[in-house]
Amino acid sequence: MIDIICTCARGTSLALVHELKALGAVDVKDEGAAVSARGELDLIARANVFLRTASRVLLVVERWQNVHDPEDLVDRLSRVPFEERLDGKGTFCVDAHLHN
């Protein structure tokens, strides 16, 4: 199973929830301007082709809690095998929710 996050315009997340469920996604959660979900690997392709309300379909590679400082974040990121997913021409997004 993979985790994805689909971003959307505010006010359209409920429609996106229904679209993802129709594609077979599970654990679908409305996050406001995004919807998170789980599914098989082919969910990414189906979401990119069939979703009408999503603006982006993002694959969640890692999640961490209690990252204490920038050095801790860099250390954790350095252990992620990005070369398994990117060919050097691709891009990726880091989404951080910080306190203090």
PDB file of N, CA and C in Angstrom:
ATOM      1  N   MET A   1       0.852  -1.189   0.000  1.00  0.00           N
ATOM      2  CA  MET A   1       0.000   0.000   0.000  1.00  0.00           C
ATOM      3  C   MET A   1       0.888   1.240   0.000  1.00  0.00           C
ATOM      4  N   ILE A   2       0.423   2.250  -0.700  1.00  0.00           N
ATOM      5  CA  ILE A   2       1.124   3.528  -0.747  1.00  0.00           C
ATOM      6  C   ILE A   2       0.221   4.603  -0.156  1.00  0.00           C
ATOM      7  N   ASP A   3       0.835   5.692   0.290  1.00  0.00           N
ATOM      8  CA  ASP A   3       0.102   6.862   0.772  1.00  0.00           C
ATOM      9  C   ASP A   3       0.236   7.957  -0.265  1.00  0.00           C
ATOM     10  N   ILE A   4      -0.882   8.638  -0.547  1.00  0.00           N
ATOM     11  CA  ILE A   4      -0.848   9.791  -1.430  1.00  0.00           C
ATOM     12  C   ILE A   4      -1.540  10.965  -0.765  1.00  0.00           C
ATOM     13  N   ILE A   5      -1.210  12.146  -1.225  1.00  0.00           N
ATOM     14  CA  ILE A   5      -1.913  13.365  -0.836  1.00  0.00           C
ATOM     15  C   ILE A   5      -2.287  14.066  -2.123  1.00  0.00           C
ATOM     16  N   CYS A   6      -3.570  14.392  -2.265  1.00  0.00           N
ATOM     17  CA  CYS A   6      -4.055  15.102  -3.442  1.00  0.00           C
ATOM     18  C   CYS A   6      -4.449  16.503  -3.005  1.00  0.00           C
ATOM     19  N   THR A   7      -3.807  17.502  -3.591  1.00  0.00           N
ATOM     20  CA  THR A   7      -4.148  18.875  -3.265  1.00  0.00           C
ATOM     21  C   THR A   7      -5.321  19.311  -4.129  1.00  0.00           C
ATOM     22  N   CYS A   8      -6.070  20.286  -3.607  1.00  0.00           N
ATOM     23  CA  CYS A   8      -7.249  20.773  -4.334  1.00  0.00           C
ATOM     24  C   CYS A   8      -7.575  22.191  -3.871  1.00  0.00           C
ATOM     25  N   ALA A   9      -8.428  22.834  -4.626  1.00  0.00           N
ATOM     26  CA  ALA A   9      -8.892  24.165  -4.249  1.00  0.00           C
ATOM     27  C   ALA A   9      -9.782  24.051  -3.011  1.00  0.00           C
ATOM     28  N   ARG A  10      -9.718  25.058  -2.155  1.00  0.00           N
ATOM     29  CA  ARG A  10     -10.581  25.053  -0.971  1.00  0.00           C
ATOM     30  C   ARG A  10     -12.037  24.952  -1.405  1.00  0.00           C
ATOM     31  N   GLY A  11     -12.794  24.162  -0.667  1.00  0.00           N
ATOM     32  CA  GLY A  11     -14.200  23.982  -0.978  1.00  0.00           C
ATOM     33  C   GLY A  11     -14.479  22.816  -1.912  1.00  0.00           C
ATOM     34  N   THR A  12     -13.425  22.181  -2.448  1.00  0.00           N
ATOM     35  CA  THR A  12     -13.640  21.056  -3.364  1.00  0.00           C
ATOM     36  C   THR A  12     -13.197  19.717  -2.770  1.00  0.00           C
ATOM     37  N   SER A  13     -12.736  19.721  -1.534  1.00  0.00           N
ATOM     38  CA  SER A  13     -12.179  18.497  -0.953  1.00  0.00           C
ATOM     39  C   SER A  13     -13.218  17.396  -0.782  1.00  0.00           C
ATOM     40  N   LEU A  14     -14.461  17.729  -0.487  1.00  0.00           N
ATOM     41  CA  LEU A  14     -15.485  16.694  -0.337  1.00  0.00           C
ATOM     42  C   LEU A  14     -15.706  15.962  -1.669  1.00  0.00           C
ATOM     43  N   ALA A  15     -15.723  16.697  -2.759  1.00  0.00           N
ATOM     44  CA  ALA A  15     -15.847  16.071  -4.077  1.00  0.00           C
ATOM     45  C   ALA A  15     -14.646  15.174  -4.351  1.00  0.00           C
ATOM     46  N   LEU A  16     -13.461  15.635  -3.953  1.00  0.00           N
ATOM     47  CA  LEU A  16     -12.242  14.854  -4.148  1.00  0.00           C
ATOM     48  C   LEU A  16     -12.277  13.571  -3.322  1.00  0.00           C
ATOM     49  N   VAL A  17     -12.809  13.639  -2.117  1.00  0.00           N
ATOM     50  CA  VAL A  17     -12.975  12.445  -1.285  1.00  0.00           C
ATOM     51  C   VAL A  17     -13.804  11.402  -2.038  1.00  0.00           C
ATOM     52  N   HIS A  18     -14.927  11.833  -2.612  1.00  0.00           N
ATOM     53  CA  HIS A  18     -15.797  10.913  -3.346  1.00  0.00           C
ATOM     54  C   HIS A  18     -15.098  10.351  -4.586  1.00  0.00           C
ATOM     55  N   GLU A  19     -14.337  11.193  -5.298  1.00  0.00           N
ATOM     56  CA  GLU A  19     -13.616  10.723  -6.475  1.00  0.00           C
ATOM     57  C   GLU A  19     -12.576   9.664  -6.109  1.00  0.00           C
ATOM     58  N   LEU A  20     -11.832   9.904  -5.039  1.00  0.00           N
ATOM     59  CA  LEU A  20     -10.811   8.944  -4.613  1.00  0.00           C
ATOM     60  C   LEU A  20     -11.438   7.619  -4.179  1.00  0.00           C
ATOM     61  N   LYS A  21     -12.514   7.679  -3.443  1.00  0.00           N
ATOM     62  CA  LYS A  21     -13.192   6.446  -3.032  1.00  0.00           C
ATOM     63  C   LYS A  21     -13.683   5.667  -4.249  1.00  0.00           C
ATOM     64  N   ALA A  22     -14.175   6.374  -5.266  1.00  0.00           N
ATOM     65  CA  ALA A  22     -14.645   5.716  -6.488  1.00  0.00           C
ATOM     66  C   ALA A  22     -13.498   5.031  -7.228  1.00  0.00           C
ATOM     67  N   LEU A  23     -12.267   5.532  -7.042  1.00  0.00           N
ATOM     68  CA  LEU A  23     -11.093   4.917  -7.657  1.00  0.00           C
ATOM     69  C   LEU A  23     -10.539   3.752  -6.832  1.00  0.00           C
ATOM     70  N   GLY A  24     -11.154   3.489  -5.676  1.00  0.00           N
ATOM     71  CA  GLY A  24     -10.723   2.375  -4.844  1.00  0.00           C
ATOM     72  C   GLY A  24      -9.777   2.741  -3.723  1.00  0.00           C
ATOM     73  N   ALA A  25      -9.561   4.025  -3.484  1.00  0.00           N
ATOM     74  CA  ALA A  25      -8.690   4.461  -2.388  1.00  0.00           C
ATOM     75  C   ALA A  25      -9.344   4.135  -1.048  1.00  0.00           C
ATOM     76  N   VAL A  26      -8.518   3.874  -0.050  1.00  0.00           N
ATOM     77  CA  VAL A  26      -9.000   3.595   1.304  1.00  0.00           C
ATOM     78  C   VAL A  26      -8.375   4.592   2.269  1.00  0.00           C
ATOM     79  N   ASP A  27      -8.884   4.614   3.482  1.00  0.00           N
ATOM     80  CA  ASP A  27      -8.402   5.547   4.513  1.00  0.00           C
ATOM     81  C   ASP A  27      -8.374   6.971   3.975  1.00  0.00           C
ATOM     82  N   VAL A  28      -9.412   7.350   3.265  1.00  0.00           N
ATOM     83  CA  VAL A  28      -9.497   8.676   2.647  1.00  0.00           C
ATOM     84  C   VAL A  28      -9.865   9.691   3.723  1.00  0.00           C
ATOM     85  N   LYS A  29      -9.050  10.755   3.831  1.00  0.00           N
ATOM     86  CA  LYS A  29      -9.266  11.760   4.874  1.00  0.00           C
ATOM     87  C   LYS A  29      -9.238  13.160   4.269  1.00  0.00           C
ATOM     88  N   ASP A  30     -10.262  13.924   4.560  1.00  0.00           N
ATOM     89  CA  ASP A  30     -10.355  15.319   4.115  1.00  0.00           C
ATOM     90  C   ASP A  30      -9.454  16.170   4.995  1.00  0.00           C
ATOM     91  N   GLU A  31      -8.496  16.863   4.398  1.00  0.00           N
ATOM     92  CA  GLU A  31      -7.545  17.684   5.153  1.00  0.00           C
ATOM     93  C   GLU A  31      -7.718  19.171   4.840  1.00  0.00           C
ATOM     94  N   GLY A  32      -8.864  19.550   4.278  1.00  0.00           N
ATOM     95  CA  GLY A  32      -9.106  20.959   3.955  1.00  0.00           C
ATOM     96  C   GLY A  32      -8.815  21.254   2.499  1.00  0.00           C
ATOM     97  N   ALA A  33      -7.600  21.668   2.216  1.00  0.00           N
ATOM     98  CA  ALA A  33      -7.195  21.946   0.832  1.00  0.00           C
ATOM     99  C   ALA A  33      -6.442  20.765   0.242  1.00  0.00           C
ATOM    100  N   ALA A  34      -6.597  19.606   0.852  1.00  0.00           N
ATOM    101  CA  ALA A  34      -5.971  18.380   0.371  1.00  0.00           C
ATOM    102  C   ALA A  34      -6.745  17.192   0.933  1.00  0.00           C
ATOM    103  N   VAL A  35      -6.540  16.059   0.289  1.00  0.00           N
ATOM    104  CA  VAL A  35      -7.145  14.817   0.760  1.00  0.00           C
ATOM    105  C   VAL A  35      -6.061  13.753   0.764  1.00  0.00           C
ATOM    106  N   SER A  36      -5.912  13.051   1.872  1.00  0.00           N
ATOM    107  CA  SER A  36      -4.937  11.959   1.951  1.00  0.00           C
ATOM    108  C   SER A  36      -5.664  10.636   1.760  1.00  0.00           C
ATOM    109  N   ALA A  37      -4.944   9.661   1.228  1.00  0.00           N
ATOM    110  CA  ALA A  37      -5.557   8.357   0.965  1.00  0.00           C
ATOM    111  C   ALA A  37      -4.473   7.298   0.854  1.00  0.00           C
ATOM    112  N   ARG A  38      -4.902   6.043   0.892  1.00  0.00           N
ATOM    113  CA  ARG A  38      -4.011   4.892   0.708  1.00  0.00           C
ATOM    114  C   ARG A  38      -4.566   4.044  -0.416  1.00  0.00           C
ATOM    115  N   GLY A  39      -3.674   3.303  -1.058  1.00  0.00           N
ATOM    116  CA  GLY A  39      -4.124   2.414  -2.114  1.00  0.00           C
ATOM    117  C   GLY A  39      -2.968   1.631  -2.693  1.00  0.00           C
ATOM    118  N   GLU A  40      -3.276   0.842  -3.700  1.00  0.00           N
ATOM    119  CA  GLU A  40      -2.245   0.089  -4.405  1.00  0.00           C
ATOM    120  C   GLU A  40      -1.465   1.049  -5.297  1.00  0.00           C
ATOM    121  N   LEU A  41      -0.307   0.622  -5.767  1.00  0.00           N
ATOM    122  CA  LEU A  41       0.574   1.479  -6.557  1.00  0.00           C
ATOM    123  C   LEU A  41      -0.125   2.083  -7.775  1.00  0.00           C
ATOM    124  N   ASP A  42      -1.030   1.354  -8.398  1.00  0.00           N
ATOM    125  CA  ASP A  42      -1.703   1.880  -9.583  1.00  0.00           C
ATOM    126  C   ASP A  42      -2.668   3.023  -9.277  1.00  0.00           C
ATOM    127  N   LEU A  43      -2.929   3.290  -8.000  1.00  0.00           N
ATOM    128  CA  LEU A  43      -3.780   4.420  -7.632  1.00  0.00           C
ATOM    129  C   LEU A  43      -3.181   5.738  -8.123  1.00  0.00           C
ATOM    130  N   ILE A  44      -1.867   5.844  -8.126  1.00  0.00           N
ATOM    131  CA  ILE A  44      -1.223   7.081  -8.585  1.00  0.00           C
ATOM    132  C   ILE A  44      -1.587   7.359 -10.043  1.00  0.00           C
ATOM    133  N   ALA A  45      -1.458   6.360 -10.885  1.00  0.00           N
ATOM    134  CA  ALA A  45      -1.773   6.546 -12.304  1.00  0.00           C
ATOM    135  C   ALA A  45      -3.257   6.840 -12.501  1.00  0.00           C
ATOM    136  N   ARG A  46      -4.117   6.075 -11.838  1.00  0.00           N
ATOM    137  CA  ARG A  46      -5.555   6.295 -11.987  1.00  0.00           C
ATOM    138  C   ARG A  46      -5.955   7.675 -11.479  1.00  0.00           C
ATOM    139  N   ALA A  47      -5.351   8.111 -10.376  1.00  0.00           N
ATOM    140  CA  ALA A  47      -5.662   9.431  -9.833  1.00  0.00           C
ATOM    141  C   ALA A  47      -5.235  10.534 -10.802  1.00  0.00           C
ATOM    142  N   ASN A  48      -4.061  10.402 -11.384  1.00  0.00           N
ATOM    143  CA  ASN A  48      -3.590  11.410 -12.335  1.00  0.00           C
ATOM    144  C   ASN A  48      -4.472  11.485 -13.576  1.00  0.00           C
ATOM    145  N   VAL A  49      -5.022  10.368 -13.995  1.00  0.00           N
ATOM    146  CA  VAL A  49      -5.846  10.347 -15.204  1.00  0.00           C
ATOM    147  C   VAL A  49      -7.290  10.763 -14.924  1.00  0.00           C
ATOM    148  N   PHE A  50      -7.873  10.267 -13.826  1.00  0.00           N
ATOM    149  CA  PHE A  50      -9.311  10.396 -13.650  1.00  0.00           C
ATOM    150  C   PHE A  50      -9.788  11.465 -12.661  1.00  0.00           C
ATOM    151  N   LEU A  51      -8.936  11.940 -11.767  1.00  0.00           N
ATOM    152  CA  LEU A  51      -9.409  12.947 -10.812  1.00  0.00           C
ATOM    153  C   LEU A  51      -9.648  14.276 -11.517  1.00  0.00           C
ATOM    154  N   ARG A  52     -10.788  14.880 -11.250  1.00  0.00           N
ATOM    155  CA  ARG A  52     -11.115  16.170 -11.852  1.00  0.00           C
ATOM    156  C   ARG A  52     -10.898  17.320 -10.888  1.00  0.00           C
ATOM    157  N   THR A  53     -10.963  17.042  -9.580  1.00  0.00           N
ATOM    158  CA  THR A  53     -10.882  18.131  -8.611  1.00  0.00           C
ATOM    159  C   THR A  53      -9.496  18.295  -7.999  1.00  0.00           C
ATOM    160  N   ALA A  54      -8.600  17.356  -8.224  1.00  0.00           N
ATOM    161  CA  ALA A  54      -7.248  17.452  -7.650  1.00  0.00           C
ATOM    162  C   ALA A  54      -6.356  18.296  -8.548  1.00  0.00           C
ATOM    163  N   SER A  55      -5.508  19.097  -7.923  1.00  0.00           N
ATOM    164  CA  SER A  55      -4.529  19.857  -8.707  1.00  0.00           C
ATOM    165  C   SER A  55      -3.184  19.139  -8.753  1.00  0.00           C
ATOM    166  N   ARG A  56      -2.877  18.348  -7.725  1.00  0.00           N
ATOM    167  CA  ARG A  56      -1.650  17.552  -7.700  1.00  0.00           C
ATOM    168  C   ARG A  56      -1.914  16.232  -6.999  1.00  0.00           C
ATOM    169  N   VAL A  57      -1.196  15.209  -7.435  1.00  0.00           N
ATOM    170  CA  VAL A  57      -1.225  13.904  -6.774  1.00  0.00           C
ATOM    171  C   VAL A  57       0.198  13.649  -6.304  1.00  0.00           C
ATOM    172  N   LEU A  58       0.388  13.622  -5.000  1.00  0.00           N
ATOM    173  CA  LEU A  58       1.719  13.501  -4.413  1.00  0.00           C
ATOM    174  C   LEU A  58       1.883  12.153  -3.717  1.00  0.00           C
ATOM    175  N   LEU A  59       2.996  11.493  -3.970  1.00  0.00           N
ATOM    176  CA  LEU A  59       3.325  10.244  -3.296  1.00  0.00           C
ATOM    177  C   LEU A  59       4.040  10.577  -1.990  1.00  0.00           C
ATOM    178  N   VAL A  60       3.559  10.038  -0.894  1.00  0.00           N
ATOM    179  CA  VAL A  60       4.208  10.239   0.401  1.00  0.00           C
ATOM    180  C   VAL A  60       5.355   9.237   0.495  1.00  0.00           C
ATOM    181  N   VAL A  61       6.576   9.742   0.534  1.00  0.00           N
ATOM    182  CA  VAL A  61       7.761   8.886   0.589  1.00  0.00           C
ATOM    183  C   VAL A  61       8.118   8.570   2.031  1.00  0.00           C
ATOM    184  N   GLU A  62       8.080   9.554   2.897  1.00  0.00           N
ATOM    185  CA  GLU A  62       8.392   9.380   4.324  1.00  0.00           C
ATOM    186  C   GLU A  62       7.544  10.352   5.139  1.00  0.00           C
ATOM    187  N   ARG A  63       7.313  10.011   6.385  1.00  0.00           N
ATOM    188  CA  ARG A  63       6.673  10.913   7.359  1.00  0.00           C
ATOM    189  C   ARG A  63       7.460  10.809   8.654  1.00  0.00           C
ATOM    190  N   TRP A  64       7.694  11.948   9.263  1.00  0.00           N
ATOM    191  CA  TRP A  64       8.393  11.958  10.556  1.00  0.00           C
ATOM    192  C   TRP A  64       7.663  12.885  11.510  1.00  0.00           C
ATOM    193  N   GLN A  65       7.783  12.578  12.773  1.00  0.00           N
ATOM    194  CA  GLN A  65       7.327  13.472  13.829  1.00  0.00           C
ATOM    195  C   GLN A  65       8.521  13.751  14.719  1.00  0.00           C
ATOM    196  N   ASN A  66       8.441  14.806  15.448  1.00  0.00           N
ATOM    197  CA  ASN A  66       9.484  15.165  16.408  1.00  0.00           C
ATOM    198  C   ASN A  66      10.839  15.389  15.743  1.00  0.00           C
ATOM    199  N   VAL A  67      10.847  16.147  14.663  1.00  0.00           N
ATOM    200  CA  VAL A  67      12.100  16.583  14.061  1.00  0.00           C
ATOM    201  C   VAL A  67      12.530  17.807  14.877  1.00  0.00           C
ATOM    202  N   HIS A  68      13.683  17.725  15.505  1.00  0.00           N
ATOM    203  CA  HIS A  68      14.052  18.709  16.518  1.00  0.00           C
ATOM    204  C   HIS A  68      14.723  19.963  15.974  1.00  0.00           C
ATOM    205  N   ASP A  69      15.427  19.864  14.874  1.00  0.00           N
ATOM    206  CA  ASP A  69      16.120  21.028  14.333  1.00  0.00           C
ATOM    207  C   ASP A  69      16.440  20.774  12.860  1.00  0.00           C
ATOM    208  N   PRO A  70      16.911  21.790  12.151  1.00  0.00           N
ATOM    209  CA  PRO A  70      17.209  21.607  10.722  1.00  0.00           C
ATOM    210  C   PRO A  70      18.209  20.483  10.454  1.00  0.00           C
ATOM    211  N   GLU A  71      19.176  20.314  11.320  1.00  0.00           N
ATOM    212  CA  GLU A  71      20.168  19.253  11.131  1.00  0.00           C
ATOM    213  C   GLU A  71      19.523  17.870  11.227  1.00  0.00           C
ATOM    214  N   ASP A  72      18.564  17.730  12.135  1.00  0.00           N
ATOM    215  CA  ASP A  72      17.838  16.478  12.285  1.00  0.00           C
ATOM    216  C   ASP A  72      17.050  16.174  11.005  1.00  0.00           C
ATOM    217  N   LEU A  73      16.414  17.186  10.424  1.00  0.00           N
ATOM    218  CA  LEU A  73      15.674  17.005   9.178  1.00  0.00           C
ATOM    219  C   LEU A  73      16.612  16.598   8.044  1.00  0.00           C
ATOM    220  N   VAL A  74      17.742  17.271   7.913  1.00  0.00           N
ATOM    221  CA  VAL A  74      18.711  16.936   6.867  1.00  0.00           C
ATOM    222  C   VAL A  74      19.217  15.512   7.057  1.00  0.00           C
ATOM    223  N   ASP A  75      19.478  15.114   8.288  1.00  0.00           N
ATOM    224  CA  ASP A  75      19.938  13.757   8.568  1.00  0.00           C
ATOM    225  C   ASP A  75      18.895  12.726   8.131  1.00  0.00           C
ATOM    226  N   ARG A  76      17.644  12.974   8.456  1.00  0.00           N
ATOM    227  CA  ARG A  76      16.588  12.029   8.081  1.00  0.00           C
ATOM    228  C   ARG A  76      16.410  11.996   6.559  1.00  0.00           C
ATOM    229  N   LEU A  77      16.450  13.152   5.924  1.00  0.00           N
ATOM    230  CA  LEU A  77      16.309  13.197   4.463  1.00  0.00           C
ATOM    231  C   LEU A  77      17.459  12.493   3.760  1.00  0.00           C
ATOM    232  N   SER A  78      18.642  12.563   4.338  1.00  0.00           N
ATOM    233  CA  SER A  78      19.803  11.938   3.695  1.00  0.00           C
ATOM    234  C   SER A  78      19.701  10.407   3.688  1.00  0.00           C
ATOM    235  N   ARG A  79      18.840   9.857   4.536  1.00  0.00           N
ATOM    236  CA  ARG A  79      18.669   8.398   4.590  1.00  0.00           C
ATOM    237  C   ARG A  79      17.548   7.889   3.683  1.00  0.00           C
ATOM    238  N   VAL A  80      16.841   8.796   3.026  1.00  0.00           N
ATOM    239  CA  VAL A  80      15.773   8.387   2.112  1.00  0.00           C
ATOM    240  C   VAL A  80      16.393   8.034   0.761  1.00  0.00           C
ATOM    241  N   PRO A  81      16.122   6.855   0.222  1.00  0.00           N
ATOM    242  CA  PRO A  81      16.727   6.442  -1.050  1.00  0.00           C
ATOM    243  C   PRO A  81      16.029   7.087  -2.256  1.00  0.00           C
ATOM    244  N   PHE A  82      16.229   8.400  -2.426  1.00  0.00           N
ATOM    245  CA  PHE A  82      15.581   9.112  -3.527  1.00  0.00           C
ATOM    246  C   PHE A  82      15.986   8.550  -4.889  1.00  0.00           C
ATOM    247  N   GLU A  83      17.202   8.034  -4.992  1.00  0.00           N
ATOM    248  CA  GLU A  83      17.671   7.506  -6.277  1.00  0.00           C
ATOM    249  C   GLU A  83      16.827   6.327  -6.753  1.00  0.00           C
ATOM    250  N   GLU A  84      16.078   5.700  -5.858  1.00  0.00           N
ATOM    251  CA  GLU A  84      15.185   4.618  -6.249  1.00  0.00           C
ATOM    252  C   GLU A  84      13.922   5.137  -6.933  1.00  0.00           C
ATOM    253  N   ARG A  85      13.626   6.421  -6.758  1.00  0.00           N
ATOM    254  CA  ARG A  85      12.394   6.990  -7.300  1.00  0.00           C
ATOM    255  C   ARG A  85      12.619   8.087  -8.331  1.00  0.00           C
ATOM    256  N   LEU A  86      13.772   8.727  -8.310  1.00  0.00           N
ATOM    257  CA  LEU A  86      14.045   9.838  -9.219  1.00  0.00           C
ATOM    258  C   LEU A  86      15.223   9.508 -10.115  1.00  0.00           C
ATOM    259  N   ASP A  87      15.172   9.979 -11.338  1.00  0.00           N
ATOM    260  CA  ASP A  87      16.240   9.694 -12.289  1.00  0.00           C
ATOM    261  C   ASP A  87      17.218  10.851 -12.451  1.00  0.00           C
ATOM    262  N   GLY A  88      17.153  11.846 -11.625  1.00  0.00           N
ATOM    263  CA  GLY A  88      18.036  12.998 -11.746  1.00  0.00           C
ATOM    264  C   GLY A  88      17.397  14.132 -12.530  1.00  0.00           C
ATOM    265  N   LYS A  89      16.334  13.835 -13.244  1.00  0.00           N
ATOM    266  CA  LYS A  89      15.616  14.855 -14.006  1.00  0.00           C
ATOM    267  C   LYS A  89      14.295  15.226 -13.330  1.00  0.00           C
ATOM    268  N   GLY A  90      13.865  14.417 -12.388  1.00  0.00           N
ATOM    269  CA  GLY A  90      12.587  14.637 -11.727  1.00  0.00           C
ATOM    270  C   GLY A  90      12.698  15.629 -10.585  1.00  0.00           C
ATOM    271  N   THR A  91      11.576  15.978 -10.030  1.00  0.00           N
ATOM    272  CA  THR A  91      11.532  16.866  -8.877  1.00  0.00           C
ATOM    273  C   THR A  91      10.730  16.197  -7.772  1.00  0.00           C
ATOM    274  N   PHE A  92      10.842  16.740  -6.572  1.00  0.00           N
ATOM    275  CA  PHE A  92      10.042  16.235  -5.472  1.00  0.00           C
ATOM    276  C   PHE A  92       9.684  17.390  -4.552  1.00  0.00           C
ATOM    277  N   CYS A  93       8.678  17.171  -3.724  1.00  0.00           N
ATOM    278  CA  CYS A  93       8.170  18.205  -2.822  1.00  0.00           C
ATOM    279  C   CYS A  93       8.413  17.763  -1.386  1.00  0.00           C
ATOM    280  N   VAL A  94       8.847  18.675  -0.559  1.00  0.00           N
ATOM    281  CA  VAL A  94       8.940  18.439   0.876  1.00  0.00           C
ATOM    282  C   VAL A  94       7.915  19.336   1.534  1.00  0.00           C
ATOM    283  N   ASP A  95       6.965  18.740   2.244  1.00  0.00           N
ATOM    284  CA  ASP A  95       5.914  19.474   2.918  1.00  0.00           C
ATOM    285  C   ASP A  95       6.174  19.382   4.418  1.00  0.00           C
ATOM    286  N   ALA A  96       6.427  20.495   5.046  1.00  0.00           N
ATOM    287  CA  ALA A  96       6.741  20.501   6.476  1.00  0.00           C
ATOM    288  C   ALA A  96       5.709  21.315   7.248  1.00  0.00           C
ATOM    289  N   HIS A  97       5.285  20.780   8.368  1.00  0.00           N
ATOM    290  CA  HIS A  97       4.396  21.488   9.285  1.00  0.00           C
ATOM    291  C   HIS A  97       5.200  21.709  10.571  1.00  0.00           C
ATOM    292  N   LEU A  98       5.546  22.942  10.847  1.00  0.00           N
ATOM    293  CA  LEU A  98       6.475  23.249  11.922  1.00  0.00           C
ATOM    294  C   LEU A  98       5.807  24.009  13.065  1.00  0.00           C
ATOM    295  N   HIS A  99       6.343  23.837  14.242  1.00  0.00           N
ATOM    296  CA  HIS A  99       5.918  24.581  15.420  1.00  0.00           C
ATOM    297  C   HIS A  99       7.141  25.236  16.023  1.00  0.00           C
ATOM    298  N   ASN A 100       7.031  26.509  16.389  1.00  0.00           N
ATOM    299  CA  ASN A 100       8.134  27.264  16.994  1.00  0.00           C
ATOM    300  C   ASN A 100       9.320  27.390  16.051  1.00  0.00           C
TER     301      ASN A 100
END
